[in-house]
Amino acid sequence: MLMSASGAVCAQVNLERDLLKMLKQVQSAAKKTSYSGTFVYQQGNQIRTSKITHGFDAEVEVEKLEILDGKPREYIRRNGEVTCYLPENKLIQVEKNLAQEEFPALLNQNVHLLPESYFVKKAQMSRVAGLECQVLSLQPKDSLRFGFRLCVEKNSGLLLGIQTLNPQNEVIEQIAFTQVALGEVDKNKLKPSFTNVAQWKTENMTVQANVNSGWIVKNLPAGFKKTLETKRFIPISGTVSGTDASQAKLHQVVQLMFSDGLSTISVFVEPNTGGRTEGSLQQGAMTISGKALGDSWLTVVGEVPNAAIKQVINSIQFKK
C-alpha cells in the first residue's frame, strides 16, 4: 500500500514536471519559431483581425504585426524596440525597452509560477487552423483570475489559440490563428508595407526601463509578481520628444506590470489633470478601473476579475 502511494506521488510529480516543461516550450516557441499567419481576437462583441510575420535568426527576433480592421497600422518589433507606422498621419512612433506580451507570446518570464495559481492538466487533442494541437486546461485556484484553455501545436509548441473562461466555464474572450505556416519567412515581409516612409515624421517615445518610481502595490493578488516598471514621456501636443524637448511639453506616465505567468495586471500613474470620472469598465475579460490619488491619476488594467483590479487599485501607494 505504501509503495502504491509512493508510486502515485512520483507519477504526479513527473506529470507536473512534464506540464511545466510544455508551458516553458510554449513560451520559447513564440520567440524562437519562425512563422506567419492571420489570427482573430474576440473580446465581448468586438472582433479584431491581425496578420503576423515572425522571424528568429541568431538571437535576433523580428516581428511584423498588421492590424487588418479599422484604420491601417503596422508594428515592427526588433527584439525590444517597437516601431509603429500610422499611414493616416504619415507618422512613425518608436519605443524602446518594451516586453513582448502579445499573442502568441502570452506566457512570460513567470511561466514557472503558473502551477502555484492554476491546476494545469492535459485535455483532448484538437485542431486549430488545420494543425493538430494539445489542449491544456488551466483552472484557477482562487477567484482573482480567470481560467484558460490553450491549444499548443504538437511539434513546435507554438500557441495556436487561447480561450479565457469565467467561473461558469463560459468563453468570455478568445484569440486563435485562422491560418498559420511554420518555418522560414521571407525577410522582405518583415519590412513596412508602406512606401515613402522616409518622408514621414518620426516620434521617438522616451521610455526608461527598470526604474524605481516609488509607486508600489501593497496588496497584490497571490501569485502575481512584478515583471516590468517603466517611465514614459509622451508628447502632449504631438511635438517630437527628444533630447532637446522641454519637460513642460511631455506627459510622464509610470507603468508597473504584474503577472502570474499568463494573466497580467498593469498599473499606470500619471498627473491628475482633472476632468476624469472614477469607476470601472469591463469588456470581455478586460477590466479597467481609474481613480484619483492626490495629484496623481491611477489606471489599473487587467484581464482578471474585477475583484483583483479593485484589490490592486485600493492598495497603490507612493513610498520613496
C-alpha atoms as a PDB file:
ATOM      1  CA  MET A   1       0.000   0.000   0.000  1.00  0.00           C
ATOM      2  CA  LEU A   2       2.881   2.324   0.903  1.00  0.00           C
ATOM      3  CA  MET A   3       4.623   1.513  -2.383  1.00  0.00           C
ATOM      4  CA  SER A   4       1.401   2.220  -4.261  1.00  0.00           C
ATOM      5  CA  ALA A   5       1.013   5.629  -2.597  1.00  0.00           C
ATOM      6  CA  SER A   6       4.668   6.429  -3.220  1.00  0.00           C
ATOM      7  CA  GLY A   7       4.292   5.465  -6.881  1.00  0.00           C
ATOM      8  CA  ALA A   8       1.230   7.690  -7.247  1.00  0.00           C
ATOM      9  CA  VAL A   9       3.094  10.662  -5.752  1.00  0.00           C
ATOM     10  CA  CYS A  10       6.040  10.008  -8.056  1.00  0.00           C
ATOM     11  CA  ALA A  11       3.734   9.811 -11.092  1.00  0.00           C
ATOM     12  CA  GLN A  12       2.069  13.098 -10.092  1.00  0.00           C
ATOM     13  CA  VAL A  13       5.448  14.836  -9.698  1.00  0.00           C
ATOM     14  CA  ASN A  14       6.519  13.584 -13.137  1.00  0.00           C
ATOM     15  CA  LEU A  15       3.237  14.752 -14.677  1.00  0.00           C
ATOM     16  CA  GLU A  16       3.611  18.236 -13.172  1.00  0.00           C
ATOM     17  CA  ARG A  17       7.213  18.378 -14.400  1.00  0.00           C
ATOM     18  CA  ASP A  18       6.122  17.408 -17.926  1.00  0.00           C
ATOM     19  CA  LEU A  19       3.351  20.010 -17.937  1.00  0.00           C
ATOM     20  CA  LEU A  20       5.701  22.756 -16.751  1.00  0.00           C
ATOM     21  CA  LYS A  21       8.193  21.726 -19.440  1.00  0.00           C
ATOM     22  CA  MET A  22       5.403  22.044 -22.030  1.00  0.00           C
ATOM     23  CA  LEU A  23       4.425  25.501 -20.748  1.00  0.00           C
ATOM     24  CA  LYS A  24       8.051  26.648 -20.952  1.00  0.00           C
ATOM     25  CA  GLN A  25       8.188  25.311 -24.516  1.00  0.00           C
ATOM     26  CA  VAL A  26       5.137  27.435 -25.384  1.00  0.00           C
ATOM     27  CA  GLN A  27       6.990  30.487 -24.059  1.00  0.00           C
ATOM     28  CA  SER A  28      10.168  29.616 -26.003  1.00  0.00           C
ATOM     29  CA  ALA A  29       8.382  28.703 -29.257  1.00  0.00           C
ATOM     30  CA  ALA A  30       6.748  32.129 -29.541  1.00  0.00           C
ATOM     31  CA  LYS A  31      10.219  33.659 -29.618  1.00  0.00           C
ATOM     32  CA  LYS A  32      12.368  31.086 -31.407  1.00  0.00           C
ATOM     33  CA  THR A  33       9.977  29.734 -34.065  1.00  0.00           C
ATOM     34  CA  SER A  34       9.637  31.447 -37.438  1.00  0.00           C
ATOM     35  CA  TYR A  35       6.020  31.613 -38.586  1.00  0.00           C
ATOM     36  CA  SER A  36       3.435  33.728 -40.380  1.00  0.00           C
ATOM     37  CA  GLY A  37      -0.330  33.750 -40.168  1.00  0.00           C
ATOM     38  CA  THR A  38      -3.595  35.514 -39.501  1.00  0.00           C
ATOM     39  CA  PHE A  39      -5.330  35.478 -36.133  1.00  0.00           C
ATOM     40  CA  VAL A  40      -8.661  36.711 -34.775  1.00  0.00           C
ATOM     41  CA  TYR A  41      -9.106  38.327 -31.363  1.00  0.00           C
ATOM     42  CA  GLN A  42     -12.630  38.294 -29.938  1.00  0.00           C
ATOM     43  CA  GLN A  43     -13.362  40.338 -26.811  1.00  0.00           C
ATOM     44  CA  GLY A  44     -17.024  40.619 -25.868  1.00  0.00           C
ATOM     45  CA  ASN A  45     -18.804  41.795 -29.018  1.00  0.00           C
ATOM     46  CA  GLN A  46     -15.610  43.185 -30.560  1.00  0.00           C
ATOM     47  CA  ILE A  47     -13.608  41.247 -33.167  1.00  0.00           C
ATOM     48  CA  ARG A  48     -10.189  42.252 -34.492  1.00  0.00           C
ATOM     49  CA  THR A  49      -8.187  40.506 -37.216  1.00  0.00           C
ATOM     50  CA  SER A  50      -4.396  40.792 -37.422  1.00  0.00           C
ATOM     51  CA  LYS A  51      -1.667  39.399 -39.625  1.00  0.00           C
ATOM     52  CA  ILE A  52       1.648  38.413 -38.041  1.00  0.00           C
ATOM     53  CA  THR A  53       5.023  37.556 -39.546  1.00  0.00           C
ATOM     54  CA  HIS A  54       7.705  36.432 -37.113  1.00  0.00           C
ATOM     55  CA  GLY A  55      11.360  35.619 -37.776  1.00  0.00           C
ATOM     56  CA  PHE A  56      14.136  34.482 -35.454  1.00  0.00           C
ATOM     57  CA  ASP A  57      17.783  34.362 -36.508  1.00  0.00           C
ATOM     58  CA  ALA A  58      20.854  34.196 -34.274  1.00  0.00           C
ATOM     59  CA  GLU A  59      19.171  35.693 -31.176  1.00  0.00           C
ATOM     60  CA  VAL A  60      17.601  38.495 -33.235  1.00  0.00           C
ATOM     61  CA  GLU A  61      13.801  38.423 -33.160  1.00  0.00           C
ATOM     62  CA  VAL A  62      11.887  40.450 -35.752  1.00  0.00           C
ATOM     63  CA  GLU A  63       8.100  40.584 -35.884  1.00  0.00           C
ATOM     64  CA  LYS A  64       5.637  42.474 -38.037  1.00  0.00           C
ATOM     65  CA  LEU A  65       2.042  42.870 -36.860  1.00  0.00           C
ATOM     66  CA  GLU A  66      -0.522  44.294 -39.279  1.00  0.00           C
ATOM     67  CA  ILE A  67      -3.937  45.373 -37.942  1.00  0.00           C
ATOM     68  CA  LEU A  68      -6.434  44.463 -40.678  1.00  0.00           C
ATOM     69  CA  ASP A  69      -9.570  46.124 -39.244  1.00  0.00           C
ATOM     70  CA  GLY A  70     -10.288  49.826 -38.852  1.00  0.00           C
ATOM     71  CA  LYS A  71      -7.568  52.361 -39.552  1.00  0.00           C
ATOM     72  CA  PRO A  72      -4.461  50.718 -41.107  1.00  0.00           C
ATOM     73  CA  ARG A  73      -1.404  50.484 -38.870  1.00  0.00           C
ATOM     74  CA  GLU A  74       1.610  48.238 -38.510  1.00  0.00           C
ATOM     75  CA  TYR A  75       4.012  47.403 -35.709  1.00  0.00           C
ATOM     76  CA  ILE A  76       7.503  46.122 -36.394  1.00  0.00           C
ATOM     77  CA  ARG A  77       9.373  44.826 -33.367  1.00  0.00           C
ATOM     78  CA  ARG A  78      13.090  44.103 -33.379  1.00  0.00           C
ATOM     79  CA  ASN A  79      13.867  42.497 -30.019  1.00  0.00           C
ATOM     80  CA  GLY A  80      12.728  45.153 -27.501  1.00  0.00           C
ATOM     81  CA  GLU A  81      12.292  48.062 -29.950  1.00  0.00           C
ATOM     82  CA  VAL A  82       8.854  48.636 -31.486  1.00  0.00           C
ATOM     83  CA  THR A  83       8.200  50.897 -34.483  1.00  0.00           C
ATOM     84  CA  CYS A  84       4.573  51.818 -35.153  1.00  0.00           C
ATOM     85  CA  TYR A  85       3.554  53.035 -38.646  1.00  0.00           C
ATOM     86  CA  LEU A  86       0.439  55.252 -38.809  1.00  0.00           C
ATOM     87  CA  PRO A  87      -0.200  55.997 -42.518  1.00  0.00           C
ATOM     88  CA  GLU A  88      -3.189  58.262 -41.902  1.00  0.00           C
ATOM     89  CA  ASN A  89      -0.917  60.755 -40.118  1.00  0.00           C
ATOM     90  CA  LYS A  90       2.246  59.814 -42.022  1.00  0.00           C
ATOM     91  CA  LEU A  91       3.737  59.221 -38.591  1.00  0.00           C
ATOM     92  CA  ILE A  92       6.270  56.727 -37.200  1.00  0.00           C
ATOM     93  CA  GLN A  93       6.452  56.196 -33.435  1.00  0.00           C
ATOM     94  CA  VAL A  94       9.457  54.386 -31.940  1.00  0.00           C
ATOM     95  CA  GLU A  95       9.531  52.909 -28.436  1.00  0.00           C
ATOM     96  CA  LYS A  96      12.425  51.001 -26.867  1.00  0.00           C
ATOM     97  CA  ASN A  97      12.709  48.708 -23.840  1.00  0.00           C
ATOM     98  CA  LEU A  98       9.343  47.032 -24.399  1.00  0.00           C
ATOM     99  CA  ALA A  99       8.459  43.493 -23.296  1.00  0.00           C
ATOM    100  CA  GLN A 100       6.782  41.021 -25.655  1.00  0.00           C
ATOM    101  CA  GLU A 101       3.294  40.382 -24.265  1.00  0.00           C
ATOM    102  CA  GLU A 102       1.200  39.862 -27.408  1.00  0.00           C
ATOM    103  CA  PHE A 103      -0.290  36.673 -28.889  1.00  0.00           C
ATOM    104  CA  PRO A 104       1.132  34.093 -29.367  1.00  0.00           C
ATOM    105  CA  ALA A 105       3.780  35.224 -26.825  1.00  0.00           C
ATOM    106  CA  LEU A 106       1.349  35.454 -23.891  1.00  0.00           C
ATOM    107  CA  LEU A 107       3.341  33.280 -21.486  1.00  0.00           C
ATOM    108  CA  ASN A 108       6.157  35.329 -19.955  1.00  0.00           C
ATOM    109  CA  GLN A 109       9.179  35.011 -17.669  1.00  0.00           C
ATOM    110  CA  ASN A 110       6.917  33.995 -14.768  1.00  0.00           C
ATOM    111  CA  VAL A 111       5.680  30.883 -16.603  1.00  0.00           C
ATOM    112  CA  HIS A 112       7.253  28.692 -13.878  1.00  0.00           C
ATOM    113  CA  LEU A 113       4.819  30.241 -11.369  1.00  0.00           C
ATOM    114  CA  LEU A 114       1.691  29.008 -13.173  1.00  0.00           C
ATOM    115  CA  PRO A 115       1.278  25.785 -11.100  1.00  0.00           C
ATOM    116  CA  GLU A 116       1.079  27.975  -7.965  1.00  0.00           C
ATOM    117  CA  SER A 117      -2.076  29.694  -9.238  1.00  0.00           C
ATOM    118  CA  TYR A 118      -3.689  27.118 -11.551  1.00  0.00           C
ATOM    119  CA  PHE A 119      -4.483  23.426 -11.708  1.00  0.00           C
ATOM    120  CA  VAL A 120      -2.802  22.528 -15.016  1.00  0.00           C
ATOM    121  CA  LYS A 121      -3.782  19.402 -16.899  1.00  0.00           C
ATOM    122  CA  LYS A 122      -3.756  17.958 -20.389  1.00  0.00           C
ATOM    123  CA  ALA A 123      -7.137  17.781 -22.082  1.00  0.00           C
ATOM    124  CA  GLN A 124      -8.020  16.378 -25.508  1.00  0.00           C
ATOM    125  CA  MET A 125      -6.165  16.797 -28.794  1.00  0.00           C
ATOM    126  CA  SER A 126      -7.742  19.321 -31.162  1.00  0.00           C
ATOM    127  CA  ARG A 127      -7.093  21.261 -34.385  1.00  0.00           C
ATOM    128  CA  VAL A 128      -6.614  24.978 -34.991  1.00  0.00           C
ATOM    129  CA  ALA A 129      -6.025  26.436 -38.470  1.00  0.00           C
ATOM    130  CA  GLY A 130      -5.548  22.899 -39.812  1.00  0.00           C
ATOM    131  CA  LEU A 131      -2.785  21.985 -37.339  1.00  0.00           C
ATOM    132  CA  GLU A 132      -3.041  19.390 -34.573  1.00  0.00           C
ATOM    133  CA  CYS A 133      -2.678  20.762 -31.093  1.00  0.00           C
ATOM    134  CA  GLN A 134      -2.682  19.599 -27.487  1.00  0.00           C
ATOM    135  CA  VAL A 135      -5.281  21.344 -25.333  1.00  0.00           C
ATOM    136  CA  LEU A 136      -4.067  22.406 -21.886  1.00  0.00           C
ATOM    137  CA  SER A 137      -6.595  23.338 -19.205  1.00  0.00           C
ATOM    138  CA  LEU A 138      -5.636  25.927 -16.579  1.00  0.00           C
ATOM    139  CA  GLN A 139      -8.189  26.088 -13.785  1.00  0.00           C
ATOM    140  CA  PRO A 140      -7.666  28.941 -11.280  1.00  0.00           C
ATOM    141  CA  LYS A 141      -7.063  28.103  -7.625  1.00  0.00           C
ATOM    142  CA  ASP A 142      -8.841  31.290  -6.464  1.00  0.00           C
ATOM    143  CA  SER A 143     -11.420  33.821  -7.649  1.00  0.00           C
ATOM    144  CA  LEU A 144      -8.853  36.504  -8.558  1.00  0.00           C
ATOM    145  CA  ARG A 145      -8.072  35.164 -12.049  1.00  0.00           C
ATOM    146  CA  PHE A 146      -9.897  33.510 -14.918  1.00  0.00           C
ATOM    147  CA  GLY A 147      -9.445  30.018 -16.316  1.00  0.00           C
ATOM    148  CA  PHE A 148      -7.837  29.251 -19.686  1.00  0.00           C
ATOM    149  CA  ARG A 149      -7.752  26.667 -22.435  1.00  0.00           C
ATOM    150  CA  LEU A 150      -4.567  26.692 -24.509  1.00  0.00           C
ATOM    151  CA  CYS A 151      -4.149  24.937 -27.874  1.00  0.00           C
ATOM    152  CA  VAL A 152      -0.459  24.083 -28.299  1.00  0.00           C
ATOM    153  CA  GLU A 153       0.915  22.919 -31.676  1.00  0.00           C
ATOM    154  CA  LYS A 154       2.069  19.352 -31.035  1.00  0.00           C
ATOM    155  CA  ASN A 155       5.546  19.603 -32.633  1.00  0.00           C
ATOM    156  CA  SER A 156       6.799  23.177 -32.216  1.00  0.00           C
ATOM    157  CA  GLY A 157       4.939  24.077 -29.012  1.00  0.00           C
ATOM    158  CA  LEU A 158       3.630  27.287 -30.616  1.00  0.00           C
ATOM    159  CA  LEU A 159       0.432  28.623 -29.073  1.00  0.00           C
ATOM    160  CA  LEU A 160      -2.263  28.388 -31.776  1.00  0.00           C
ATOM    161  CA  GLY A 161      -5.232  29.529 -29.731  1.00  0.00           C
ATOM    162  CA  ILE A 162      -6.332  30.527 -26.237  1.00  0.00           C
ATOM    163  CA  GLN A 163      -9.747  30.857 -24.611  1.00  0.00           C
ATOM    164  CA  THR A 164     -10.441  32.773 -21.403  1.00  0.00           C
ATOM    165  CA  LEU A 165     -13.143  31.214 -19.202  1.00  0.00           C
ATOM    166  CA  ASN A 166     -15.301  32.729 -16.472  1.00  0.00           C
ATOM    167  CA  PRO A 167     -16.226  30.831 -13.260  1.00  0.00           C
ATOM    168  CA  GLN A 168     -19.185  29.260 -15.139  1.00  0.00           C
ATOM    169  CA  ASN A 169     -16.682  27.832 -17.678  1.00  0.00           C
ATOM    170  CA  GLU A 170     -18.072  30.107 -20.416  1.00  0.00           C
ATOM    171  CA  VAL A 171     -15.714  31.579 -23.031  1.00  0.00           C
ATOM    172  CA  ILE A 172     -15.525  35.359 -22.497  1.00  0.00           C
ATOM    173  CA  GLU A 173     -12.515  36.073 -24.714  1.00  0.00           C
ATOM    174  CA  GLN A 174     -10.512  34.154 -27.303  1.00  0.00           C
ATOM    175  CA  ILE A 175      -7.629  34.503 -29.732  1.00  0.00           C
ATOM    176  CA  ALA A 176      -6.824  31.944 -32.411  1.00  0.00           C
ATOM    177  CA  PHE A 177      -4.998  31.580 -35.694  1.00  0.00           C
ATOM    178  CA  THR A 178      -7.289  31.144 -38.690  1.00  0.00           C
ATOM    179  CA  GLN A 179      -4.292  30.454 -40.926  1.00  0.00           C
ATOM    180  CA  VAL A 180      -0.657  29.818 -39.964  1.00  0.00           C
ATOM    181  CA  ALA A 181       2.508  28.495 -41.621  1.00  0.00           C
ATOM    182  CA  LEU A 182       5.527  27.397 -39.591  1.00  0.00           C
ATOM    183  CA  GLY A 183       9.089  27.669 -40.890  1.00  0.00           C
ATOM    184  CA  GLU A 184      11.320  30.240 -42.537  1.00  0.00           C
ATOM    185  CA  VAL A 185       9.672  33.509 -43.563  1.00  0.00           C
ATOM    186  CA  ASP A 186      10.517  35.882 -46.406  1.00  0.00           C
ATOM    187  CA  LYS A 187      12.568  38.682 -44.791  1.00  0.00           C
ATOM    188  CA  ASN A 188      11.011  41.214 -47.172  1.00  0.00           C
ATOM    189  CA  LYS A 189       7.681  40.535 -45.470  1.00  0.00           C
ATOM    190  CA  LEU A 190       9.187  41.819 -42.211  1.00  0.00           C
ATOM    191  CA  LYS A 191       9.583  45.296 -43.704  1.00  0.00           C
ATOM    192  CA  PRO A 192       6.914  48.033 -43.600  1.00  0.00           C
ATOM    193  CA  SER A 193       4.209  47.723 -46.281  1.00  0.00           C
ATOM    194  CA  PHE A 194       4.027  51.483 -46.819  1.00  0.00           C
ATOM    195  CA  THR A 195       6.095  53.378 -49.383  1.00  0.00           C
ATOM    196  CA  ASN A 196       7.960  56.684 -48.955  1.00  0.00           C
ATOM    197  CA  VAL A 197       8.188  56.278 -45.166  1.00  0.00           C
ATOM    198  CA  ALA A 198      11.452  58.241 -45.268  1.00  0.00           C
ATOM    199  CA  GLN A 199       9.255  61.326 -45.754  1.00  0.00           C
ATOM    200  CA  TRP A 200       7.129  60.578 -42.665  1.00  0.00           C
ATOM    201  CA  LYS A 201       7.508  62.317 -39.321  1.00  0.00           C
ATOM    202  CA  THR A 202       9.195  60.261 -36.566  1.00  0.00           C
ATOM    203  CA  GLU A 203       8.435  60.487 -32.843  1.00  0.00           C
ATOM    204  CA  ASN A 204      10.940  58.844 -30.537  1.00  0.00           C
ATOM    205  CA  MET A 205       8.963  57.959 -27.440  1.00  0.00           C
ATOM    206  CA  THR A 206      11.230  58.239 -24.402  1.00  0.00           C
ATOM    207  CA  VAL A 207      10.945  55.070 -22.302  1.00  0.00           C
ATOM    208  CA  GLN A 208      13.069  54.463 -19.216  1.00  0.00           C
ATOM    209  CA  ALA A 209      13.156  50.780 -18.246  1.00  0.00           C
ATOM    210  CA  ASN A 210      13.815  49.151 -14.858  1.00  0.00           C
ATOM    211  CA  VAL A 211      13.081  52.358 -12.968  1.00  0.00           C
ATOM    212  CA  ASN A 212      12.261  52.621  -9.283  1.00  0.00           C
ATOM    213  CA  SER A 213       9.431  55.160  -9.353  1.00  0.00           C
ATOM    214  CA  GLY A 214       8.471  54.775  -5.706  1.00  0.00           C
ATOM    215  CA  TRP A 215       4.971  53.529  -6.576  1.00  0.00           C
ATOM    216  CA  ILE A 216       4.067  50.156  -5.046  1.00  0.00           C
ATOM    217  CA  VAL A 217       1.065  47.835  -4.751  1.00  0.00           C
ATOM    218  CA  LYS A 218       0.750  46.824  -1.094  1.00  0.00           C
ATOM    219  CA  ASN A 219      -1.802  44.051  -1.579  1.00  0.00           C
ATOM    220  CA  LEU A 220      -1.134  42.135  -4.804  1.00  0.00           C
ATOM    221  CA  PRO A 221      -3.294  39.073  -5.540  1.00  0.00           C
ATOM    222  CA  ALA A 222      -1.400  35.877  -4.628  1.00  0.00           C
ATOM    223  CA  GLY A 223       0.871  34.554  -7.376  1.00  0.00           C
ATOM    224  CA  PHE A 224       1.413  37.893  -9.131  1.00  0.00           C
ATOM    225  CA  LYS A 225       4.986  39.215  -9.368  1.00  0.00           C
ATOM    226  CA  LYS A 226       6.298  42.435 -10.893  1.00  0.00           C
ATOM    227  CA  THR A 227       7.725  41.900 -14.388  1.00  0.00           C
ATOM    228  CA  LEU A 228       8.194  45.475 -15.548  1.00  0.00           C
ATOM    229  CA  GLU A 229       8.457  49.059 -14.310  1.00  0.00           C
ATOM    230  CA  THR A 230       8.908  51.823 -16.858  1.00  0.00           C
ATOM    231  CA  LYS A 231       8.577  55.570 -17.127  1.00  0.00           C
ATOM    232  CA  ARG A 232       7.340  57.098 -20.393  1.00  0.00           C
ATOM    233  CA  PHE A 233       7.493  60.717 -21.511  1.00  0.00           C
ATOM    234  CA  ILE A 234       4.738  61.270 -24.063  1.00  0.00           C
ATOM    235  CA  PRO A 235       4.497  64.453 -26.160  1.00  0.00           C
ATOM    236  CA  ILE A 236       1.354  66.350 -25.094  1.00  0.00           C
ATOM    237  CA  SER A 237       0.638  68.196 -28.300  1.00  0.00           C
ATOM    238  CA  GLY A 238       2.221  65.880 -30.845  1.00  0.00           C
ATOM    239  CA  THR A 239       5.621  67.556 -30.673  1.00  0.00           C
ATOM    240  CA  VAL A 240       8.600  65.308 -31.216  1.00  0.00           C
ATOM    241  CA  SER A 241      10.192  64.227 -27.970  1.00  0.00           C
ATOM    242  CA  GLY A 242      13.957  64.232 -27.959  1.00  0.00           C
ATOM    243  CA  THR A 243      16.984  65.335 -26.017  1.00  0.00           C
ATOM    244  CA  ASP A 244      16.121  68.982 -26.598  1.00  0.00           C
ATOM    245  CA  ALA A 245      12.409  68.670 -25.742  1.00  0.00           C
ATOM    246  CA  SER A 246      11.366  70.594 -22.661  1.00  0.00           C
ATOM    247  CA  GLN A 247       9.828  68.619 -19.818  1.00  0.00           C
ATOM    248  CA  ALA A 248       6.882  71.044 -19.818  1.00  0.00           C
ATOM    249  CA  LYS A 249       5.722  69.596 -23.150  1.00  0.00           C
ATOM    250  CA  LEU A 250       5.976  65.996 -22.007  1.00  0.00           C
ATOM    251  CA  HIS A 251       3.417  63.937 -20.116  1.00  0.00           C
ATOM    252  CA  GLN A 252       5.013  61.434 -17.684  1.00  0.00           C
ATOM    253  CA  VAL A 253       3.405  58.004 -17.278  1.00  0.00           C
ATOM    254  CA  VAL A 254       4.745  55.350 -14.894  1.00  0.00           C
ATOM    255  CA  GLN A 255       3.765  51.758 -15.679  1.00  0.00           C
ATOM    256  CA  LEU A 256       4.080  48.766 -13.373  1.00  0.00           C
ATOM    257  CA  MET A 257       3.214  45.346 -14.776  1.00  0.00           C
ATOM    258  CA  PHE A 258       2.473  42.257 -12.697  1.00  0.00           C
ATOM    259  CA  SER A 259       1.962  38.693 -13.908  1.00  0.00           C
ATOM    260  CA  ASP A 260       1.290  35.194 -12.626  1.00  0.00           C
ATOM    261  CA  GLY A 261       2.867  33.780 -15.798  1.00  0.00           C
ATOM    262  CA  LEU A 262      -0.193  34.290 -18.022  1.00  0.00           C
ATOM    263  CA  SER A 263      -2.657  36.788 -16.528  1.00  0.00           C
ATOM    264  CA  THR A 264      -1.328  40.346 -16.332  1.00  0.00           C
ATOM    265  CA  ILE A 265      -2.285  43.465 -14.391  1.00  0.00           C
ATOM    266  CA  SER A 266      -0.880  46.862 -15.384  1.00  0.00           C
ATOM    267  CA  VAL A 267      -0.846  49.967 -13.191  1.00  0.00           C
ATOM    268  CA  PHE A 268      -0.480  53.381 -14.870  1.00  0.00           C
ATOM    269  CA  VAL A 269       0.276  56.512 -12.832  1.00  0.00           C
ATOM    270  CA  GLU A 270       0.144  59.961 -14.419  1.00  0.00           C
ATOM    271  CA  PRO A 271      -0.574  63.557 -13.384  1.00  0.00           C
ATOM    272  CA  ASN A 272      -4.205  64.183 -12.473  1.00  0.00           C
ATOM    273  CA  THR A 273      -5.282  66.874 -14.907  1.00  0.00           C
ATOM    274  CA  GLY A 274      -8.924  66.688 -13.820  1.00  0.00           C
ATOM    275  CA  GLY A 275     -11.996  66.074 -15.902  1.00  0.00           C
ATOM    276  CA  ARG A 276     -11.989  62.293 -15.441  1.00  0.00           C
ATOM    277  CA  THR A 277     -14.635  60.149 -13.793  1.00  0.00           C
ATOM    278  CA  GLU A 278     -13.696  57.476 -11.282  1.00  0.00           C
ATOM    279  CA  GLY A 279     -15.088  53.997 -11.863  1.00  0.00           C
ATOM    280  CA  SER A 280     -14.671  50.642 -13.614  1.00  0.00           C
ATOM    281  CA  LEU A 281     -15.453  49.227 -17.038  1.00  0.00           C
ATOM    282  CA  GLN A 282     -15.488  45.581 -18.169  1.00  0.00           C
ATOM    283  CA  GLN A 283     -15.243  44.315 -21.755  1.00  0.00           C
ATOM    284  CA  GLY A 284     -14.913  40.562 -22.190  1.00  0.00           C
ATOM    285  CA  ALA A 285     -12.125  39.512 -19.820  1.00  0.00           C
ATOM    286  CA  MET A 286     -10.661  43.019 -19.664  1.00  0.00           C
ATOM    287  CA  THR A 287     -11.350  45.226 -16.632  1.00  0.00           C
ATOM    288  CA  ILE A 288     -10.267  48.881 -16.473  1.00  0.00           C
ATOM    289  CA  SER A 289     -10.531  50.993 -13.318  1.00  0.00           C
ATOM    290  CA  GLY A 290      -9.473  54.574 -12.636  1.00  0.00           C
ATOM    291  CA  LYS A 291      -9.330  56.855  -9.630  1.00  0.00           C
ATOM    292  CA  ALA A 292      -7.561  59.935  -8.306  1.00  0.00           C
ATOM    293  CA  LEU A 293      -4.937  59.738  -5.576  1.00  0.00           C
ATOM    294  CA  GLY A 294      -3.689  63.159  -4.542  1.00  0.00           C
ATOM    295  CA  ASP A 295      -2.157  64.872  -7.572  1.00  0.00           C
ATOM    296  CA  SER A 296      -1.982  61.576  -9.491  1.00  0.00           C
ATOM    297  CA  TRP A 297      -4.450  59.625 -11.603  1.00  0.00           C
ATOM    298  CA  LEU A 298      -4.305  55.837 -11.286  1.00  0.00           C
ATOM    299  CA  THR A 299      -5.471  53.449 -14.007  1.00  0.00           C
ATOM    300  CA  VAL A 300      -5.416  49.684 -13.487  1.00  0.00           C
ATOM    301  CA  VAL A 301      -5.950  47.383 -16.472  1.00  0.00           C
ATOM    302  CA  GLY A 302      -6.018  43.600 -16.469  1.00  0.00           C
ATOM    303  CA  GLU A 303      -7.628  40.502 -17.960  1.00  0.00           C
ATOM    304  CA  VAL A 304      -8.670  39.427 -14.483  1.00  0.00           C
ATOM    305  CA  PRO A 305     -11.937  39.611 -12.471  1.00  0.00           C
ATOM    306  CA  ASN A 306     -12.998  42.972 -11.087  1.00  0.00           C
ATOM    307  CA  ALA A 307     -12.200  41.818  -7.512  1.00  0.00           C
ATOM    308  CA  ALA A 308      -8.484  41.566  -8.420  1.00  0.00           C
ATOM    309  CA  ILE A 309      -8.462  45.020 -10.051  1.00  0.00           C
ATOM    310  CA  LYS A 310     -10.240  46.501  -7.011  1.00  0.00           C
ATOM    311  CA  GLN A 311      -7.713  44.899  -4.644  1.00  0.00           C
ATOM    312  CA  VAL A 312      -4.838  46.414  -6.626  1.00  0.00           C
ATOM    313  CA  ILE A 313      -6.191  49.945  -7.125  1.00  0.00           C
ATOM    314  CA  ASN A 314      -7.124  50.236  -3.441  1.00  0.00           C
ATOM    315  CA  SER A 315      -3.606  49.334  -2.277  1.00  0.00           C
ATOM    316  CA  ILE A 316      -1.441  51.550  -4.532  1.00  0.00           C
ATOM    317  CA  GLN A 317       0.912  53.765  -2.531  1.00  0.00           C
ATOM    318  CA  PHE A 318       3.821  56.091  -3.168  1.00  0.00           C
ATOM    319  CA  LYS A 319       6.763  55.115  -0.990  1.00  0.00           C
ATOM    320  CA  LYS A 320      10.091  56.771  -1.765  1.00  0.00           C
END
